[in-house]
Amino acid sequence: MISSPIRILCVDDHPLMREGIAAVIRNEPDMQLVGEAASGHEAIASFREHRPDVTLMDLRMPDIGGIDAMIAIRTEFAEARVIVLTTFEGDVEIQRALEAGARGYVLKSTPRKQLVETIRKVHAGKKHIPPEIAAQLVEHLGHEALSKREIEVLEKIAGGNRNIDIAALLFISEETVKGHIKHIMEKLGASDRTEAVAIGVRRGIIQL
């Protein structure tokens, strides 16, 4: 008895990336591309329409990010199997994706063979995290996370705001801003504001 192919939905805002994945899937006899989406909202609508077995989800998209789209899909379809497909390997973003229910995490630089193996693995009910991604997670295990307010302050620093501007924008005192910055530096192990922003971006805490 021939089993039915693994039905796949591909979500990415870059047409070339979608075309590349479509070509890879076409070459696999046990896979079928049932839908494509270029944004988070399209992804949710396309999932409802096609009910794919596996969804490949980009994290960075123009409307809502891949993590929010995945949360929306999994709220409605708890059994949804999503593989995050990204260029990015910041540990905070990886952690968020896994907490949102991602079953696999694949970098866009991954060889074709590894991508199709991951799809098969996730379809079979297993999880897949590449060793380099797992190493990223372990490296920051036990580090104290930034609070919501500290992330807001770091975003404002990244936007080029001075302490006095940040205080006005967040309706807090300048002293409070200084306190937040001190904690941000300590938690990130940064020596100055520029380094704090660089670490925040690299780890996926903030986006520029």
N, C-alpha and C. Protein backbone atom coordinates (compact mmCIF):
# COMPACT_ATOMS: atom_id res chain seq x y z
N MET A 1 0.85 -1.20 0.00
CA MET A 1 0.00 0.00 0.00
C MET A 1 0.88 1.25 0.00
N ILE A 2 0.62 2.18 -0.93
CA ILE A 2 1.41 3.41 -1.01
C ILE A 2 0.81 4.43 -0.04
N SER A 3 1.65 4.94 0.85
CA SER A 3 1.13 5.93 1.80
C SER A 3 1.00 7.29 1.11
N SER A 4 0.07 8.09 1.58
CA SER A 4 -0.14 9.39 0.94
C SER A 4 1.03 10.32 1.28
N PRO A 5 1.36 11.24 0.34
CA PRO A 5 2.52 12.12 0.56
C PRO A 5 2.34 13.06 1.76
N ILE A 6 3.46 13.51 2.28
CA ILE A 6 3.44 14.50 3.38
C ILE A 6 3.05 15.83 2.76
N ARG A 7 1.95 16.40 3.25
CA ARG A 7 1.43 17.65 2.68
C ARG A 7 2.07 18.83 3.41
N ILE A 8 2.69 19.72 2.62
CA ILE A 8 3.51 20.79 3.23
C ILE A 8 3.01 22.18 2.84
N LEU A 9 3.02 23.07 3.83
CA LEU A 9 2.73 24.49 3.60
C LEU A 9 4.04 25.24 3.83
N CYS A 10 4.40 26.12 2.90
CA CYS A 10 5.65 26.89 3.02
C CYS A 10 5.32 28.37 3.24
N VAL A 11 5.83 28.92 4.34
CA VAL A 11 5.55 30.32 4.68
C VAL A 11 6.86 31.10 4.70
N ASP A 12 7.01 32.03 3.75
CA ASP A 12 8.22 32.87 3.70
C ASP A 12 7.90 34.09 2.85
N ASP A 13 8.40 35.26 3.26
CA ASP A 13 8.05 36.46 2.49
C ASP A 13 8.99 36.68 1.29
N HIS A 14 9.99 35.80 1.11
CA HIS A 14 10.88 35.92 -0.05
C HIS A 14 10.48 34.91 -1.14
N PRO A 15 10.02 35.41 -2.29
CA PRO A 15 9.58 34.51 -3.37
C PRO A 15 10.66 33.50 -3.77
N LEU A 16 11.93 33.95 -3.81
CA LEU A 16 13.01 33.04 -4.22
C LEU A 16 13.17 31.88 -3.24
N MET A 17 13.00 32.19 -1.97
CA MET A 17 13.11 31.15 -0.94
C MET A 17 11.98 30.12 -1.12
N ARG A 18 10.77 30.63 -1.37
CA ARG A 18 9.62 29.72 -1.57
C ARG A 18 9.84 28.86 -2.81
N GLU A 19 10.35 29.48 -3.89
CA GLU A 19 10.60 28.72 -5.12
C GLU A 19 11.64 27.62 -4.89
N GLY A 20 12.67 27.96 -4.14
CA GLY A 20 13.72 26.99 -3.83
C GLY A 20 13.18 25.80 -3.05
N ILE A 21 12.35 26.10 -2.05
CA ILE A 21 11.76 25.02 -1.23
C ILE A 21 10.80 24.19 -2.08
N ALA A 22 10.02 24.86 -2.94
CA ALA A 22 9.08 24.15 -3.81
C ALA A 22 9.84 23.16 -4.70
N ALA A 23 11.00 23.60 -5.20
CA ALA A 23 11.81 22.73 -6.07
C ALA A 23 12.32 21.52 -5.30
N VAL A 24 12.75 21.75 -4.06
CA VAL A 24 13.25 20.65 -3.21
C VAL A 24 12.13 19.63 -2.98
N ILE A 25 10.94 20.13 -2.63
CA ILE A 25 9.81 19.25 -2.30
C ILE A 25 9.33 18.47 -3.54
N ARG A 26 9.36 19.14 -4.70
CA ARG A 26 8.95 18.46 -5.95
C ARG A 26 9.82 17.25 -6.25
N ASN A 27 11.06 17.30 -5.81
CA ASN A 27 11.99 16.20 -6.07
C ASN A 27 11.83 15.02 -5.13
N GLU A 28 10.97 15.17 -4.13
CA GLU A 28 10.78 14.10 -3.14
C GLU A 28 9.46 13.38 -3.42
N PRO A 29 9.49 12.10 -3.76
CA PRO A 29 8.25 11.39 -4.11
C PRO A 29 7.25 11.29 -2.96
N ASP A 30 7.73 11.40 -1.71
CA ASP A 30 6.81 11.26 -0.57
C ASP A 30 6.33 12.60 -0.02
N MET A 31 6.53 13.69 -0.80
CA MET A 31 6.12 15.02 -0.34
C MET A 31 5.34 15.77 -1.40
N GLN A 32 4.48 16.66 -0.90
CA GLN A 32 3.67 17.47 -1.82
C GLN A 32 3.49 18.87 -1.21
N LEU A 33 3.78 19.91 -2.01
CA LEU A 33 3.57 21.28 -1.54
C LEU A 33 2.11 21.65 -1.80
N VAL A 34 1.35 21.88 -0.72
CA VAL A 34 -0.09 22.15 -0.91
C VAL A 34 -0.42 23.64 -0.84
N GLY A 35 0.52 24.44 -0.31
CA GLY A 35 0.22 25.86 -0.22
C GLY A 35 1.46 26.68 0.08
N GLU A 36 1.38 27.97 -0.28
CA GLU A 36 2.45 28.91 0.02
C GLU A 36 1.83 30.16 0.62
N ALA A 37 2.59 30.83 1.50
CA ALA A 37 2.11 32.08 2.08
C ALA A 37 3.29 33.03 2.24
N ALA A 38 3.02 34.33 2.04
CA ALA A 38 4.10 35.31 2.08
C ALA A 38 4.05 36.18 3.34
N SER A 39 3.08 35.89 4.23
CA SER A 39 2.97 36.69 5.46
C SER A 39 2.33 35.84 6.56
N GLY A 40 2.38 36.34 7.78
CA GLY A 40 1.80 35.63 8.90
C GLY A 40 0.30 35.44 8.77
N HIS A 41 -0.40 36.50 8.34
CA HIS A 41 -1.87 36.40 8.18
C HIS A 41 -2.24 35.41 7.08
N GLU A 42 -1.46 35.45 5.98
CA GLU A 42 -1.69 34.49 4.88
C GLU A 42 -1.46 33.06 5.37
N ALA A 43 -0.44 32.91 6.23
CA ALA A 43 -0.11 31.58 6.76
C ALA A 43 -1.29 30.99 7.51
N ILE A 44 -1.93 31.81 8.35
CA ILE A 44 -3.06 31.33 9.17
C ILE A 44 -4.22 30.93 8.24
N ALA A 45 -4.52 31.79 7.24
CA ALA A 45 -5.62 31.50 6.30
C ALA A 45 -5.31 30.25 5.48
N SER A 46 -4.05 30.14 5.04
CA SER A 46 -3.65 29.00 4.21
C SER A 46 -3.68 27.70 5.01
N PHE A 47 -3.32 27.78 6.28
CA PHE A 47 -3.37 26.57 7.11
C PHE A 47 -4.81 26.10 7.27
N ARG A 48 -5.71 27.05 7.50
CA ARG A 48 -7.14 26.69 7.65
C ARG A 48 -7.65 26.01 6.38
N GLU A 49 -7.21 26.53 5.24
CA GLU A 49 -7.70 26.01 3.95
C GLU A 49 -7.13 24.62 3.64
N HIS A 50 -5.83 24.44 3.85
CA HIS A 50 -5.16 23.21 3.39
C HIS A 50 -4.94 22.15 4.46
N ARG A 51 -4.95 22.56 5.74
CA ARG A 51 -4.65 21.62 6.84
C ARG A 51 -3.42 20.76 6.52
N PRO A 52 -2.26 21.38 6.33
CA PRO A 52 -1.07 20.61 5.96
C PRO A 52 -0.60 19.70 7.08
N ASP A 53 0.21 18.71 6.72
CA ASP A 53 0.81 17.83 7.73
C ASP A 53 1.96 18.54 8.43
N VAL A 54 2.73 19.29 7.64
CA VAL A 54 3.90 20.00 8.17
C VAL A 54 3.93 21.41 7.58
N THR A 55 4.21 22.40 8.43
CA THR A 55 4.34 23.79 7.96
C THR A 55 5.77 24.26 8.16
N LEU A 56 6.37 24.81 7.10
CA LEU A 56 7.69 25.44 7.21
C LEU A 56 7.45 26.92 7.42
N MET A 57 7.90 27.46 8.54
CA MET A 57 7.53 28.84 8.92
C MET A 57 8.75 29.74 9.10
N ASP A 58 8.81 30.80 8.28
CA ASP A 58 9.86 31.79 8.46
C ASP A 58 9.52 32.61 9.71
N LEU A 59 10.55 33.11 10.42
CA LEU A 59 10.28 33.88 11.64
C LEU A 59 10.04 35.35 11.35
N ARG A 60 10.77 35.89 10.37
CA ARG A 60 10.68 37.34 10.12
C ARG A 60 9.78 37.62 8.93
N MET A 61 8.65 38.27 9.21
CA MET A 61 7.73 38.58 8.11
C MET A 61 7.18 39.99 8.27
N PRO A 62 6.63 40.55 7.18
CA PRO A 62 6.25 41.97 7.21
C PRO A 62 5.10 42.33 8.14
N ASP A 63 4.16 41.40 8.36
CA ASP A 63 3.01 41.77 9.19
C ASP A 63 3.18 41.25 10.62
N ILE A 64 2.79 39.99 10.83
CA ILE A 64 3.03 39.40 12.15
C ILE A 64 4.14 38.37 11.99
N GLY A 65 4.97 38.22 12.98
CA GLY A 65 6.10 37.30 12.89
C GLY A 65 5.65 35.85 12.89
N GLY A 66 6.58 34.98 12.53
CA GLY A 66 6.30 33.54 12.46
C GLY A 66 5.86 32.95 13.79
N ILE A 67 6.42 33.47 14.89
CA ILE A 67 6.06 32.91 16.20
C ILE A 67 4.60 33.22 16.52
N ASP A 68 4.18 34.47 16.25
CA ASP A 68 2.77 34.84 16.51
C ASP A 68 1.82 34.07 15.59
N ALA A 69 2.25 33.87 14.33
CA ALA A 69 1.41 33.10 13.39
C ALA A 69 1.28 31.66 13.87
N MET A 70 2.39 31.12 14.37
CA MET A 70 2.38 29.73 14.87
C MET A 70 1.47 29.60 16.10
N ILE A 71 1.54 30.58 16.99
CA ILE A 71 0.68 30.55 18.19
C ILE A 71 -0.79 30.57 17.76
N ALA A 72 -1.11 31.44 16.79
CA ALA A 72 -2.50 31.54 16.30
C ALA A 72 -2.95 30.22 15.68
N ILE A 73 -2.09 29.61 14.87
CA ILE A 73 -2.43 28.33 14.22
C ILE A 73 -2.62 27.24 15.26
N ARG A 74 -1.69 27.16 16.21
CA ARG A 74 -1.75 26.06 17.19
C ARG A 74 -2.86 26.26 18.23
N THR A 75 -3.33 27.49 18.38
CA THR A 75 -4.48 27.73 19.26
C THR A 75 -5.72 27.10 18.64
N GLU A 76 -5.80 27.19 17.31
CA GLU A 76 -6.94 26.65 16.57
C GLU A 76 -6.76 25.16 16.23
N PHE A 77 -5.52 24.80 15.89
CA PHE A 77 -5.22 23.41 15.51
C PHE A 77 -4.05 22.92 16.37
N ALA A 78 -4.37 22.36 17.51
CA ALA A 78 -3.33 21.99 18.49
C ALA A 78 -2.35 20.96 17.94
N GLU A 79 -2.79 20.19 16.94
CA GLU A 79 -1.92 19.12 16.42
C GLU A 79 -0.97 19.62 15.32
N ALA A 80 -1.05 20.91 14.98
CA ALA A 80 -0.23 21.46 13.89
C ALA A 80 1.26 21.22 14.14
N ARG A 81 1.94 20.73 13.10
CA ARG A 81 3.39 20.47 13.21
C ARG A 81 4.14 21.54 12.42
N VAL A 82 4.87 22.36 13.14
CA VAL A 82 5.55 23.50 12.51
C VAL A 82 7.06 23.37 12.66
N ILE A 83 7.75 23.59 11.53
CA ILE A 83 9.22 23.66 11.55
C ILE A 83 9.59 25.11 11.27
N VAL A 84 10.36 25.69 12.16
CA VAL A 84 10.80 27.07 11.95
C VAL A 84 11.97 27.05 10.97
N LEU A 85 11.87 27.93 9.97
CA LEU A 85 12.90 28.02 8.93
C LEU A 85 13.42 29.45 8.96
N THR A 86 14.68 29.63 9.30
CA THR A 86 15.16 31.00 9.51
C THR A 86 16.65 31.15 9.23
N THR A 87 17.07 32.39 9.03
CA THR A 87 18.50 32.68 8.86
C THR A 87 19.10 32.96 10.23
N PHE A 88 18.22 33.02 11.23
CA PHE A 88 18.60 33.59 12.51
C PHE A 88 18.78 32.53 13.58
N GLU A 89 19.80 32.68 14.43
CA GLU A 89 19.99 31.68 15.46
C GLU A 89 20.19 32.27 16.85
N GLY A 90 19.46 33.34 17.15
CA GLY A 90 19.53 33.94 18.49
C GLY A 90 18.80 33.06 19.49
N ASP A 91 19.42 32.83 20.64
CA ASP A 91 18.85 31.85 21.59
C ASP A 91 17.48 32.25 22.13
N VAL A 92 17.24 33.56 22.30
CA VAL A 92 15.95 34.01 22.87
C VAL A 92 14.82 33.71 21.87
N GLU A 93 15.11 33.95 20.59
CA GLU A 93 14.10 33.68 19.56
C GLU A 93 13.86 32.17 19.41
N ILE A 94 14.93 31.38 19.50
CA ILE A 94 14.80 29.91 19.42
C ILE A 94 13.89 29.44 20.57
N GLN A 95 14.18 29.95 21.77
CA GLN A 95 13.43 29.58 22.97
C GLN A 95 11.95 29.91 22.80
N ARG A 96 11.67 31.12 22.28
CA ARG A 96 10.28 31.54 22.07
C ARG A 96 9.58 30.63 21.06
N ALA A 97 10.30 30.26 19.99
CA ALA A 97 9.71 29.40 18.96
C ALA A 97 9.37 28.03 19.54
N LEU A 98 10.27 27.50 20.35
CA LEU A 98 10.03 26.17 20.95
C LEU A 98 8.89 26.23 21.96
N GLU A 99 8.84 27.31 22.73
CA GLU A 99 7.74 27.47 23.70
C GLU A 99 6.40 27.61 22.99
N ALA A 100 6.44 28.20 21.77
CA ALA A 100 5.19 28.37 21.00
C ALA A 100 4.76 27.06 20.34
N GLY A 101 5.64 26.04 20.43
CA GLY A 101 5.25 24.73 19.92
C GLY A 101 5.94 24.26 18.66
N ALA A 102 7.02 24.93 18.25
CA ALA A 102 7.75 24.48 17.06
C ALA A 102 8.29 23.07 17.31
N ARG A 103 8.17 22.21 16.29
CA ARG A 103 8.67 20.82 16.42
C ARG A 103 10.07 20.68 15.86
N GLY A 104 10.47 21.66 15.06
CA GLY A 104 11.80 21.60 14.47
C GLY A 104 12.32 23.00 14.21
N TYR A 105 13.62 23.11 14.06
CA TYR A 105 14.24 24.42 13.83
C TYR A 105 15.31 24.21 12.77
N VAL A 106 15.18 24.86 11.63
CA VAL A 106 16.11 24.66 10.52
C VAL A 106 16.63 26.00 10.03
N LEU A 107 17.95 26.10 9.88
CA LEU A 107 18.53 27.33 9.33
C LEU A 107 18.41 27.29 7.81
N LYS A 108 18.25 28.46 7.20
CA LYS A 108 18.08 28.50 5.74
C LYS A 108 19.34 28.04 5.01
N SER A 109 20.45 27.99 5.72
CA SER A 109 21.70 27.51 5.12
C SER A 109 21.82 25.98 5.17
N THR A 110 20.80 25.33 5.74
CA THR A 110 20.82 23.87 5.88
C THR A 110 20.83 23.17 4.52
N PRO A 111 21.64 22.12 4.36
CA PRO A 111 21.62 21.37 3.09
C PRO A 111 20.24 20.75 2.84
N ARG A 112 19.92 20.62 1.55
CA ARG A 112 18.61 20.11 1.11
C ARG A 112 18.26 18.78 1.78
N LYS A 113 19.25 17.87 1.84
CA LYS A 113 19.03 16.54 2.39
C LYS A 113 18.57 16.62 3.86
N GLN A 114 19.20 17.54 4.59
CA GLN A 114 18.86 17.70 6.02
C GLN A 114 17.46 18.28 6.20
N LEU A 115 17.08 19.19 5.29
CA LEU A 115 15.74 19.79 5.36
C LEU A 115 14.67 18.72 5.17
N VAL A 116 14.82 17.88 4.13
CA VAL A 116 13.79 16.86 3.88
C VAL A 116 13.76 15.81 4.99
N GLU A 117 14.92 15.51 5.55
CA GLU A 117 14.97 14.56 6.67
C GLU A 117 14.24 15.13 7.89
N THR A 118 14.42 16.43 8.11
CA THR A 118 13.73 17.09 9.24
C THR A 118 12.22 17.04 9.03
N ILE A 119 11.77 17.29 7.80
CA ILE A 119 10.33 17.25 7.49
C ILE A 119 9.78 15.85 7.81
N ARG A 120 10.50 14.82 7.36
CA ARG A 120 10.05 13.43 7.61
C ARG A 120 10.01 13.13 9.11
N LYS A 121 11.03 13.58 9.81
CA LYS A 121 11.14 13.35 11.25
C LYS A 121 9.96 13.98 12.00
N VAL A 122 9.69 15.25 11.69
CA VAL A 122 8.60 15.99 12.36
C VAL A 122 7.25 15.38 11.99
N HIS A 123 7.11 14.98 10.73
CA HIS A 123 5.86 14.34 10.30
C HIS A 123 5.62 13.04 11.08
N ALA A 124 6.72 12.36 11.42
CA ALA A 124 6.62 11.10 12.17
C ALA A 124 6.40 11.33 13.67
N GLY A 125 6.28 12.61 14.05
CA GLY A 125 5.97 12.90 15.46
C GLY A 125 7.19 13.19 16.32
N LYS A 126 8.37 13.26 15.68
CA LYS A 126 9.59 13.55 16.45
C LYS A 126 9.91 15.04 16.40
N LYS A 127 10.88 15.44 17.23
CA LYS A 127 11.34 16.83 17.20
C LYS A 127 12.75 16.86 16.63
N HIS A 128 13.11 18.00 16.05
CA HIS A 128 14.48 18.09 15.53
C HIS A 128 15.07 19.47 15.78
N ILE A 129 16.18 19.49 16.53
CA ILE A 129 16.92 20.73 16.74
C ILE A 129 18.37 20.45 16.38
N PRO A 130 18.93 21.17 15.41
CA PRO A 130 20.32 20.92 15.01
C PRO A 130 21.28 21.17 16.17
N PRO A 131 22.41 20.46 16.18
CA PRO A 131 23.37 20.59 17.27
C PRO A 131 23.84 22.02 17.53
N GLU A 132 24.04 22.80 16.43
CA GLU A 132 24.53 24.18 16.63
C GLU A 132 23.48 25.06 17.31
N ILE A 133 22.20 24.75 17.06
CA ILE A 133 21.11 25.49 17.71
C ILE A 133 21.02 25.08 19.18
N ALA A 134 21.11 23.80 19.43
CA ALA A 134 21.06 23.28 20.80
C ALA A 134 22.20 23.89 21.62
N ALA A 135 23.38 24.03 20.99
CA ALA A 135 24.54 24.61 21.69
C ALA A 135 24.27 26.05 22.08
N GLN A 136 23.60 26.80 21.19
CA GLN A 136 23.23 28.19 21.48
C GLN A 136 22.35 28.27 22.73
N LEU A 137 21.37 27.36 22.79
CA LEU A 137 20.44 27.35 23.92
C LEU A 137 21.17 27.04 25.22
N VAL A 138 22.03 26.04 25.17
CA VAL A 138 22.76 25.62 26.37
C VAL A 138 23.67 26.73 26.88
N GLU A 139 24.28 27.46 25.93
CA GLU A 139 25.23 28.52 26.31
C GLU A 139 24.59 29.56 27.23
N HIS A 140 23.32 29.86 26.99
CA HIS A 140 22.67 30.91 27.78
C HIS A 140 21.71 30.36 28.84
N LEU A 141 21.76 29.05 29.03
CA LEU A 141 20.90 28.43 30.03
C LEU A 141 21.22 29.00 31.41
N GLY A 142 20.20 29.38 32.15
CA GLY A 142 20.45 29.89 33.50
C GLY A 142 20.71 31.39 33.53
N HIS A 143 20.89 32.01 32.36
CA HIS A 143 21.07 33.47 32.35
C HIS A 143 19.73 34.13 32.69
N GLU A 144 19.81 35.18 33.45
CA GLU A 144 18.57 35.87 33.82
C GLU A 144 18.02 36.63 32.62
N ALA A 145 16.76 36.44 32.34
CA ALA A 145 16.14 37.09 31.18
C ALA A 145 15.85 38.56 31.48
N LEU A 146 15.84 39.37 30.43
CA LEU A 146 15.45 40.77 30.58
C LEU A 146 13.95 40.87 30.82
N SER A 147 13.56 41.79 31.67
CA SER A 147 12.12 42.00 31.91
C SER A 147 11.53 42.73 30.71
N LYS A 148 10.20 42.77 30.66
CA LYS A 148 9.51 43.44 29.55
C LYS A 148 9.94 44.91 29.48
N ARG A 149 10.03 45.56 30.63
CA ARG A 149 10.41 46.97 30.68
C ARG A 149 11.87 47.16 30.23
N GLU A 150 12.74 46.23 30.64
CA GLU A 150 14.15 46.33 30.23
C GLU A 150 14.29 46.18 28.71
N ILE A 151 13.47 45.30 28.14
CA ILE A 151 13.50 45.13 26.68
C ILE A 151 13.06 46.43 26.00
N GLU A 152 12.02 47.07 26.55
CA GLU A 152 11.54 48.35 25.99
C GLU A 152 12.66 49.40 26.04
N VAL A 153 13.37 49.45 27.17
CA VAL A 153 14.46 50.41 27.32
C VAL A 153 15.57 50.12 26.31
N LEU A 154 15.91 48.84 26.14
CA LEU A 154 16.95 48.44 25.19
C LEU A 154 16.54 48.81 23.75
N GLU A 155 15.26 48.63 23.43
CA GLU A 155 14.77 49.02 22.09
C GLU A 155 14.92 50.52 21.87
N LYS A 156 14.64 51.29 22.92
CA LYS A 156 14.77 52.76 22.81
C LYS A 156 16.24 53.16 22.67
N ILE A 157 17.13 52.46 23.37
CA ILE A 157 18.58 52.73 23.23
C ILE A 157 18.99 52.45 21.78
N ALA A 158 18.51 51.31 21.25
CA ALA A 158 18.82 50.92 19.87
C ALA A 158 18.32 51.97 18.88
N GLY A 159 17.24 52.66 19.25
CA GLY A 159 16.69 53.71 18.39
C GLY A 159 17.45 55.03 18.50
N GLY A 160 18.53 55.03 19.28
CA GLY A 160 19.37 56.22 19.39
C GLY A 160 18.91 57.25 20.41
N ASN A 161 18.00 56.84 21.31
CA ASN A 161 17.48 57.77 22.31
C ASN A 161 18.42 57.91 23.51
N ARG A 162 18.48 59.12 24.05
CA ARG A 162 19.25 59.36 25.29
C ARG A 162 18.36 59.01 26.48
N ASN A 163 18.95 58.94 27.65
CA ASN A 163 18.19 58.59 28.87
C ASN A 163 16.99 59.51 29.07
N ILE A 164 17.20 60.81 28.85
CA ILE A 164 16.12 61.78 29.07
C ILE A 164 14.96 61.53 28.09
N ASP A 165 15.32 61.11 26.83
CA ASP A 165 14.27 60.82 25.83
C ASP A 165 13.52 59.54 26.22
N ILE A 166 14.29 58.53 26.66
CA ILE A 166 13.67 57.25 27.04
C ILE A 166 12.69 57.47 28.19
N ALA A 167 13.11 58.29 29.16
CA ALA A 167 12.25 58.60 30.32
C ALA A 167 10.93 59.20 29.84
N ALA A 168 11.01 60.15 28.91
CA ALA A 168 9.81 60.82 28.40
C ALA A 168 8.93 59.85 27.60
N LEU A 169 9.58 59.01 26.77
CA LEU A 169 8.82 58.07 25.93
C LEU A 169 8.10 57.00 26.75
N LEU A 170 8.73 56.56 27.86
CA LEU A 170 8.14 55.48 28.66
C LEU A 170 7.43 55.99 29.93
N PHE A 171 7.37 57.31 30.07
CA PHE A 171 6.70 57.93 31.23
C PHE A 171 7.27 57.45 32.57
N ILE A 172 8.61 57.41 32.61
CA ILE A 172 9.28 57.05 33.87
C ILE A 172 10.38 58.08 34.13
N SER A 173 10.94 58.07 35.33
CA SER A 173 11.97 59.06 35.64
C SER A 173 13.30 58.66 35.02
N GLU A 174 14.19 59.65 34.88
CA GLU A 174 15.51 59.39 34.32
C GLU A 174 16.30 58.44 35.23
N GLU A 175 16.07 58.57 36.54
CA GLU A 175 16.75 57.68 37.50
C GLU A 175 16.35 56.23 37.27
N THR A 176 15.05 56.04 37.02
CA THR A 176 14.54 54.68 36.75
C THR A 176 15.18 54.12 35.49
N VAL A 177 15.31 54.97 34.46
CA VAL A 177 15.95 54.55 33.21
C VAL A 177 17.37 54.07 33.49
N LYS A 178 18.11 54.87 34.28
CA LYS A 178 19.50 54.51 34.62
C LYS A 178 19.56 53.16 35.33
N GLY A 179 18.59 52.92 36.22
CA GLY A 179 18.52 51.65 36.95
C GLY A 179 18.30 50.49 35.99
N HIS A 180 17.38 50.70 35.03
CA HIS A 180 17.10 49.65 34.03
C HIS A 180 18.35 49.36 33.19
N ILE A 181 19.04 50.42 32.78
CA ILE A 181 20.23 50.25 31.94
C ILE A 181 21.30 49.46 32.70
N LYS A 182 21.44 49.76 33.98
CA LYS A 182 22.43 49.05 34.82
C LYS A 182 22.11 47.54 34.83
N HIS A 183 20.82 47.22 35.02
CA HIS A 183 20.41 45.81 35.04
C HIS A 183 20.61 45.14 33.67
N ILE A 184 20.31 45.88 32.61
CA ILE A 184 20.48 45.35 31.25
C ILE A 184 21.95 44.98 31.02
N MET A 185 22.85 45.90 31.38
CA MET A 185 24.30 45.67 31.21
C MET A 185 24.74 44.42 31.98
N GLU A 186 24.26 44.31 33.23
CA GLU A 186 24.65 43.17 34.07
C GLU A 186 24.14 41.86 33.48
N LYS A 187 22.86 41.85 33.09
CA LYS A 187 22.27 40.61 32.58
C LYS A 187 22.89 40.17 31.25
N LEU A 188 23.25 41.15 30.41
CA LEU A 188 23.80 40.81 29.10
C LEU A 188 25.32 40.69 29.11
N GLY A 189 25.93 41.13 30.21
CA GLY A 189 27.40 41.10 30.27
C GLY A 189 28.00 42.10 29.30
N ALA A 190 27.33 43.26 29.15
CA ALA A 190 27.79 44.29 28.20
C ALA A 190 28.57 45.38 28.93
N SER A 191 29.53 45.96 28.23
CA SER A 191 30.34 47.01 28.87
C SER A 191 29.82 48.42 28.55
N ASP A 192 29.04 48.54 27.47
CA ASP A 192 28.44 49.85 27.17
C ASP A 192 27.13 49.66 26.39
N ARG A 193 26.48 50.78 26.10
CA ARG A 193 25.17 50.74 25.44
C ARG A 193 25.24 50.08 24.06
N THR A 194 26.29 50.40 23.30
CA THR A 194 26.43 49.86 21.95
C THR A 194 26.54 48.34 22.00
N GLU A 195 27.34 47.85 22.95
CA GLU A 195 27.51 46.40 23.07
C GLU A 195 26.22 45.75 23.53
N ALA A 196 25.49 46.42 24.41
CA ALA A 196 24.20 45.88 24.89
C ALA A 196 23.23 45.70 23.72
N VAL A 197 23.19 46.69 22.83
CA VAL A 197 22.31 46.61 21.65
C VAL A 197 22.76 45.47 20.74
N ALA A 198 24.09 45.37 20.51
CA ALA A 198 24.63 44.31 19.64
C ALA A 198 24.28 42.92 20.17
N ILE A 199 24.44 42.74 21.49
CA ILE A 199 24.12 41.44 22.11
C ILE A 199 22.62 41.17 22.01
N GLY A 200 21.82 42.21 22.26
CA GLY A 200 20.36 42.09 22.20
C GLY A 200 19.88 41.65 20.84
N VAL A 201 20.50 42.20 19.78
CA VAL A 201 20.13 41.85 18.40
C VAL A 201 20.59 40.42 18.10
N ARG A 202 21.84 40.11 18.47
CA ARG A 202 22.40 38.79 18.16
C ARG A 202 21.59 37.67 18.82
N ARG A 203 21.13 37.92 20.04
CA ARG A 203 20.41 36.88 20.76
C ARG A 203 18.90 36.87 20.46
N GLY A 204 18.45 37.81 19.64
CA GLY A 204 17.03 37.83 19.26
C GLY A 204 16.13 38.46 20.32
N ILE A 205 16.73 39.24 21.24
CA ILE A 205 15.93 39.91 22.28
C ILE A 205 15.21 41.09 21.67
N ILE A 206 15.93 41.81 20.79
CA ILE A 206 15.33 42.94 20.06
C ILE A 206 15.64 42.78 18.58
N GLN A 207 14.88 43.50 17.75
CA GLN A 207 15.12 43.50 16.31
C GLN A 207 15.32 44.93 15.86
N LEU A 208 16.29 45.14 14.99
CA LEU A 208 16.52 46.52 14.49
C LEU A 208 15.66 46.76 13.27
